[in-house]
Structures are given as structure tokens and as C-alpha cells.
Amino acid sequence: MEVQILGFDWDTGNRRKCRQHGLALREIEAFFRQESVFVMPDIHHSQVEERYIAYGPSPKGRPMLVAFTFRIKEGETLIRPISARYMHAKEAREYEEKSSKI
């Protein structure tokens, strides 16, 4: 999925949720600007709106994932992070194995 990022849609709830996991908003925004991010539909959480999960290395090199959706505001498509965190050890191993095959 190739998307031109025009900006991000932050509110109090998603800011708080991401910070609880030790991630700064700038780090999450920088994550999406990398070429090495894999995006998949989040089928289990897409009942109300289409959601996605992005996997890849953080700007600091740690494997992370971000649940997000898209929002259209004033005619521009924005990324709305829902939650972000560093991957757990098992998730990171699986990610490394799968991404090395691509």
C-alpha cells in the first residue's frame, strides 16, 4: 500500500495511549515516513472503520507496530494512529524472520 502522507490526526486519547507505551509522537510520525514499513488490514478491529497495522523498525531501530486508520479532513487524507508500541520479543522474532524473506 503506497500512501502519500499529508499529516497526522492526533487527539488527547491517541496521544495518551501512544505515550503509555513509551513512544513519542515524533517517533511515530517518523516511523511512517520510512520505506521499510509493512501495512496490513486489521480485520479483527475493522467493524466500525477500516483499520490497519503497520510493522517495521522504529527510527531508533527497535521493531514496533502501529494500529491506525485514515481520516479525511479538509479534503486531505491523514493518518490517525490509534495505538503504537514496541513489539514484544516473540513478535519481533516473527517480524525479523518474515521480513528477511522479502
N, C-alpha and C. Protein backbone atom coordinates (compact mmCIF):
# COMPACT_ATOMS: atom_id res chain seq x y z
N MET A 1 0.85 -1.17 0.00
CA MET A 1 0.00 0.00 0.00
C MET A 1 0.90 1.23 0.00
N GLU A 2 0.74 2.06 -1.01
CA GLU A 2 1.52 3.29 -1.06
C GLU A 2 0.59 4.46 -0.83
N VAL A 3 0.89 5.25 0.17
CA VAL A 3 0.04 6.37 0.55
C VAL A 3 0.92 7.60 0.72
N GLN A 4 0.48 8.70 0.17
CA GLN A 4 1.19 9.96 0.38
C GLN A 4 0.72 10.53 1.71
N ILE A 5 1.64 10.69 2.62
CA ILE A 5 1.29 11.19 3.95
C ILE A 5 1.22 12.71 3.92
N LEU A 6 0.04 13.23 4.20
CA LEU A 6 -0.15 14.67 4.23
C LEU A 6 -0.15 15.21 5.65
N GLY A 7 -0.26 14.31 6.61
CA GLY A 7 -0.27 14.74 8.00
C GLY A 7 -0.84 13.68 8.91
N PHE A 8 -0.98 14.05 10.16
CA PHE A 8 -1.46 13.12 11.18
C PHE A 8 -2.60 13.76 11.94
N ASP A 9 -3.50 12.92 12.41
CA ASP A 9 -4.66 13.37 13.18
C ASP A 9 -4.50 12.87 14.61
N TRP A 10 -4.11 13.76 15.51
CA TRP A 10 -3.90 13.41 16.91
C TRP A 10 -5.01 14.01 17.76
N ASP A 11 -5.42 13.27 18.78
CA ASP A 11 -6.31 13.83 19.79
C ASP A 11 -5.80 13.39 21.15
N THR A 12 -6.45 13.81 22.20
CA THR A 12 -6.00 13.50 23.56
C THR A 12 -5.90 12.00 23.79
N GLY A 13 -6.89 11.26 23.32
CA GLY A 13 -6.92 9.81 23.56
C GLY A 13 -5.79 9.07 22.89
N ASN A 14 -5.56 9.31 21.60
CA ASN A 14 -4.50 8.55 20.94
C ASN A 14 -3.11 9.04 21.35
N ARG A 15 -2.97 10.28 21.71
CA ARG A 15 -1.68 10.76 22.25
C ARG A 15 -1.34 10.03 23.55
N ARG A 16 -2.33 9.98 24.44
CA ARG A 16 -2.12 9.34 25.75
C ARG A 16 -1.79 7.86 25.57
N LYS A 17 -2.54 7.19 24.72
CA LYS A 17 -2.35 5.76 24.53
C LYS A 17 -0.95 5.45 23.99
N CYS A 18 -0.47 6.24 23.05
CA CYS A 18 0.86 6.02 22.49
C CYS A 18 1.95 6.33 23.51
N ARG A 19 1.77 7.39 24.28
CA ARG A 19 2.77 7.75 25.30
C ARG A 19 2.84 6.70 26.40
N GLN A 20 1.71 6.05 26.71
CA GLN A 20 1.71 5.00 27.73
C GLN A 20 2.64 3.86 27.35
N HIS A 21 2.84 3.68 26.06
CA HIS A 21 3.73 2.62 25.58
C HIS A 21 5.16 3.12 25.36
N GLY A 22 5.44 4.33 25.80
CA GLY A 22 6.81 4.85 25.74
C GLY A 22 7.22 5.41 24.40
N LEU A 23 6.25 5.76 23.55
CA LEU A 23 6.58 6.29 22.24
C LEU A 23 6.21 7.77 22.14
N ALA A 24 7.12 8.55 21.61
CA ALA A 24 6.85 9.97 21.37
C ALA A 24 6.11 10.12 20.05
N LEU A 25 5.30 11.15 19.95
CA LEU A 25 4.54 11.38 18.72
C LEU A 25 5.46 11.55 17.52
N ARG A 26 6.56 12.24 17.70
CA ARG A 26 7.52 12.43 16.60
C ARG A 26 8.08 11.11 16.11
N GLU A 27 8.31 10.18 17.04
CA GLU A 27 8.85 8.87 16.66
C GLU A 27 7.83 8.11 15.81
N ILE A 28 6.57 8.20 16.16
CA ILE A 28 5.52 7.52 15.40
C ILE A 28 5.39 8.15 14.01
N GLU A 29 5.43 9.45 13.94
CA GLU A 29 5.34 10.12 12.64
C GLU A 29 6.54 9.77 11.76
N ALA A 30 7.73 9.73 12.34
CA ALA A 30 8.93 9.36 11.58
C ALA A 30 8.86 7.91 11.11
N PHE A 31 8.27 7.05 11.92
CA PHE A 31 8.08 5.64 11.56
C PHE A 31 7.36 5.52 10.22
N PHE A 32 6.30 6.28 10.04
CA PHE A 32 5.50 6.19 8.81
C PHE A 32 6.22 6.77 7.59
N ARG A 33 7.25 7.53 7.80
CA ARG A 33 7.97 8.13 6.67
C ARG A 33 9.10 7.24 6.16
N GLN A 34 9.29 6.10 6.77
CA GLN A 34 10.32 5.16 6.34
C GLN A 34 9.79 4.28 5.20
N GLU A 35 10.69 3.76 4.40
CA GLU A 35 10.28 2.87 3.31
C GLU A 35 10.09 1.44 3.79
N SER A 36 10.63 1.09 4.93
CA SER A 36 10.63 -0.30 5.39
C SER A 36 9.45 -0.64 6.30
N VAL A 37 8.31 0.01 6.10
CA VAL A 37 7.13 -0.25 6.91
C VAL A 37 6.17 -1.12 6.11
N PHE A 38 5.70 -2.21 6.73
CA PHE A 38 4.73 -3.10 6.11
C PHE A 38 3.36 -2.80 6.70
N VAL A 39 2.35 -2.70 5.85
CA VAL A 39 0.99 -2.38 6.30
C VAL A 39 0.05 -3.51 5.90
N MET A 40 -0.77 -3.92 6.88
CA MET A 40 -1.76 -4.97 6.64
C MET A 40 -3.10 -4.52 7.19
N PRO A 41 -4.21 -4.96 6.58
CA PRO A 41 -5.52 -4.65 7.15
C PRO A 41 -5.66 -5.31 8.52
N ASP A 42 -6.32 -4.65 9.43
CA ASP A 42 -6.61 -5.20 10.76
C ASP A 42 -8.06 -5.68 10.73
N ILE A 43 -8.26 -6.88 10.24
CA ILE A 43 -9.59 -7.44 10.03
C ILE A 43 -10.38 -7.54 11.33
N HIS A 44 -9.71 -7.87 12.41
CA HIS A 44 -10.38 -8.09 13.69
C HIS A 44 -10.93 -6.82 14.33
N HIS A 45 -10.39 -5.67 13.96
CA HIS A 45 -10.81 -4.42 14.59
C HIS A 45 -11.40 -3.43 13.58
N SER A 46 -11.92 -3.93 12.47
CA SER A 46 -12.43 -3.05 11.42
C SER A 46 -13.94 -3.06 11.30
N GLN A 47 -14.64 -3.30 12.39
CA GLN A 47 -16.10 -3.35 12.31
C GLN A 47 -16.70 -1.96 12.08
N VAL A 48 -16.19 -0.94 12.73
CA VAL A 48 -16.75 0.40 12.63
C VAL A 48 -16.08 1.20 11.51
N GLU A 49 -14.77 1.05 11.38
CA GLU A 49 -13.99 1.75 10.36
C GLU A 49 -12.87 0.83 9.91
N GLU A 50 -12.34 1.06 8.71
CA GLU A 50 -11.22 0.26 8.24
C GLU A 50 -9.98 0.63 9.05
N ARG A 51 -9.36 -0.38 9.63
CA ARG A 51 -8.14 -0.17 10.40
C ARG A 51 -7.01 -0.98 9.81
N TYR A 52 -5.81 -0.55 10.12
CA TYR A 52 -4.61 -1.18 9.59
C TYR A 52 -3.59 -1.32 10.71
N ILE A 53 -2.63 -2.22 10.48
CA ILE A 53 -1.49 -2.36 11.39
C ILE A 53 -0.23 -2.21 10.55
N ALA A 54 0.64 -1.33 10.99
CA ALA A 54 1.92 -1.11 10.33
C ALA A 54 3.02 -1.73 11.20
N TYR A 55 3.91 -2.47 10.56
CA TYR A 55 5.02 -3.13 11.23
C TYR A 55 6.32 -2.60 10.63
N GLY A 56 7.32 -2.44 11.47
CA GLY A 56 8.62 -2.02 10.95
C GLY A 56 9.52 -1.56 12.08
N PRO A 57 10.73 -1.16 11.71
CA PRO A 57 11.65 -0.66 12.73
C PRO A 57 11.32 0.78 13.10
N SER A 58 11.47 1.08 14.37
CA SER A 58 11.31 2.47 14.80
C SER A 58 12.51 3.25 14.27
N PRO A 59 12.46 4.57 14.29
CA PRO A 59 13.62 5.35 13.89
C PRO A 59 14.86 5.02 14.75
N LYS A 60 14.62 4.48 15.95
CA LYS A 60 15.72 4.09 16.83
C LYS A 60 16.18 2.66 16.56
N GLY A 61 15.50 1.97 15.61
CA GLY A 61 15.90 0.62 15.24
C GLY A 61 15.16 -0.50 15.94
N ARG A 62 14.28 -0.19 16.87
CA ARG A 62 13.52 -1.23 17.58
C ARG A 62 12.27 -1.58 16.78
N PRO A 63 11.95 -2.87 16.66
CA PRO A 63 10.73 -3.25 15.95
C PRO A 63 9.49 -2.71 16.67
N MET A 64 8.60 -2.10 15.92
CA MET A 64 7.39 -1.55 16.51
C MET A 64 6.19 -1.80 15.61
N LEU A 65 5.01 -1.59 16.17
CA LEU A 65 3.79 -1.69 15.38
C LEU A 65 2.87 -0.56 15.77
N VAL A 66 2.07 -0.15 14.78
CA VAL A 66 1.14 0.95 14.98
C VAL A 66 -0.21 0.55 14.39
N ALA A 67 -1.25 0.61 15.21
CA ALA A 67 -2.62 0.44 14.72
C ALA A 67 -3.10 1.82 14.31
N PHE A 68 -3.71 1.91 13.12
CA PHE A 68 -4.13 3.23 12.65
C PHE A 68 -5.29 3.13 11.68
N THR A 69 -5.85 4.26 11.37
CA THR A 69 -6.88 4.39 10.35
C THR A 69 -6.59 5.67 9.58
N PHE A 70 -7.37 5.92 8.56
CA PHE A 70 -7.23 7.16 7.80
C PHE A 70 -8.40 8.07 8.10
N ARG A 71 -8.16 9.36 8.12
CA ARG A 71 -9.21 10.35 8.30
C ARG A 71 -9.08 11.39 7.20
N ILE A 72 -10.19 11.83 6.70
CA ILE A 72 -10.17 12.90 5.70
C ILE A 72 -10.66 14.17 6.39
N LYS A 73 -9.78 15.17 6.39
CA LYS A 73 -10.10 16.47 6.98
C LYS A 73 -9.73 17.55 5.98
N GLU A 74 -10.69 18.39 5.70
CA GLU A 74 -10.48 19.49 4.76
C GLU A 74 -9.92 18.99 3.43
N GLY A 75 -10.40 17.82 2.98
CA GLY A 75 -10.00 17.26 1.70
C GLY A 75 -8.66 16.55 1.69
N GLU A 76 -7.99 16.45 2.82
CA GLU A 76 -6.69 15.78 2.90
C GLU A 76 -6.82 14.49 3.68
N THR A 77 -6.12 13.46 3.21
CA THR A 77 -6.10 12.18 3.91
C THR A 77 -5.00 12.22 4.95
N LEU A 78 -5.38 11.98 6.20
CA LEU A 78 -4.44 12.00 7.32
C LEU A 78 -4.36 10.62 7.95
N ILE A 79 -3.21 10.31 8.51
CA ILE A 79 -3.05 9.08 9.29
C ILE A 79 -3.48 9.38 10.71
N ARG A 80 -4.35 8.54 11.24
CA ARG A 80 -4.80 8.68 12.62
C ARG A 80 -4.31 7.47 13.41
N PRO A 81 -3.16 7.60 14.09
CA PRO A 81 -2.69 6.49 14.93
C PRO A 81 -3.70 6.23 16.05
N ILE A 82 -3.96 4.96 16.28
CA ILE A 82 -4.87 4.57 17.36
C ILE A 82 -4.06 4.14 18.57
N SER A 83 -3.04 3.34 18.31
CA SER A 83 -2.14 2.88 19.37
C SER A 83 -0.82 2.50 18.72
N ALA A 84 0.25 2.64 19.47
CA ALA A 84 1.58 2.28 18.97
C ALA A 84 2.39 1.72 20.13
N ARG A 85 3.22 0.75 19.81
CA ARG A 85 4.08 0.16 20.84
C ARG A 85 5.23 -0.57 20.18
N TYR A 86 6.26 -0.82 20.98
CA TYR A 86 7.34 -1.67 20.52
C TYR A 86 6.84 -3.11 20.54
N MET A 87 7.33 -3.91 19.61
CA MET A 87 6.91 -5.31 19.55
C MET A 87 7.46 -6.08 20.75
N HIS A 88 6.69 -7.07 21.18
CA HIS A 88 7.17 -8.00 22.19
C HIS A 88 8.22 -8.89 21.54
N ALA A 89 9.04 -9.58 22.33
CA ALA A 89 10.15 -10.38 21.80
C ALA A 89 9.69 -11.39 20.75
N LYS A 90 8.60 -12.10 21.02
CA LYS A 90 8.11 -13.10 20.07
C LYS A 90 7.66 -12.44 18.76
N GLU A 91 6.95 -11.33 18.86
CA GLU A 91 6.51 -10.60 17.67
C GLU A 91 7.72 -10.11 16.87
N ALA A 92 8.73 -9.61 17.56
CA ALA A 92 9.92 -9.10 16.89
C ALA A 92 10.64 -10.21 16.15
N ARG A 93 10.75 -11.40 16.76
CA ARG A 93 11.39 -12.54 16.08
C ARG A 93 10.62 -12.92 14.82
N GLU A 94 9.30 -13.01 14.94
CA GLU A 94 8.47 -13.36 13.78
C GLU A 94 8.59 -12.30 12.68
N TYR A 95 8.60 -11.05 13.07
CA TYR A 95 8.75 -9.96 12.11
C TYR A 95 10.10 -10.06 11.40
N GLU A 96 11.17 -10.28 12.16
CA GLU A 96 12.51 -10.39 11.57
C GLU A 96 12.58 -11.56 10.60
N GLU A 97 12.00 -12.70 10.98
CA GLU A 97 12.00 -13.87 10.10
C GLU A 97 11.26 -13.59 8.80
N LYS A 98 10.08 -13.03 8.90
CA LYS A 98 9.26 -12.76 7.71
C LYS A 98 9.86 -11.67 6.84
N SER A 99 10.37 -10.61 7.45
CA SER A 99 10.89 -9.50 6.65
C SER A 99 12.21 -9.87 5.97
N SER A 100 12.95 -10.82 6.52
CA SER A 100 14.21 -11.23 5.88
C SER A 100 13.96 -12.03 4.61
N LYS A 101 12.75 -12.56 4.45
CA LYS A 101 12.41 -13.35 3.26
C LYS A 101 11.90 -12.49 2.11
N ILE A 102 11.68 -11.23 2.38
CA ILE A 102 11.13 -10.34 1.34
C ILE A 102 12.25 -9.71 0.55
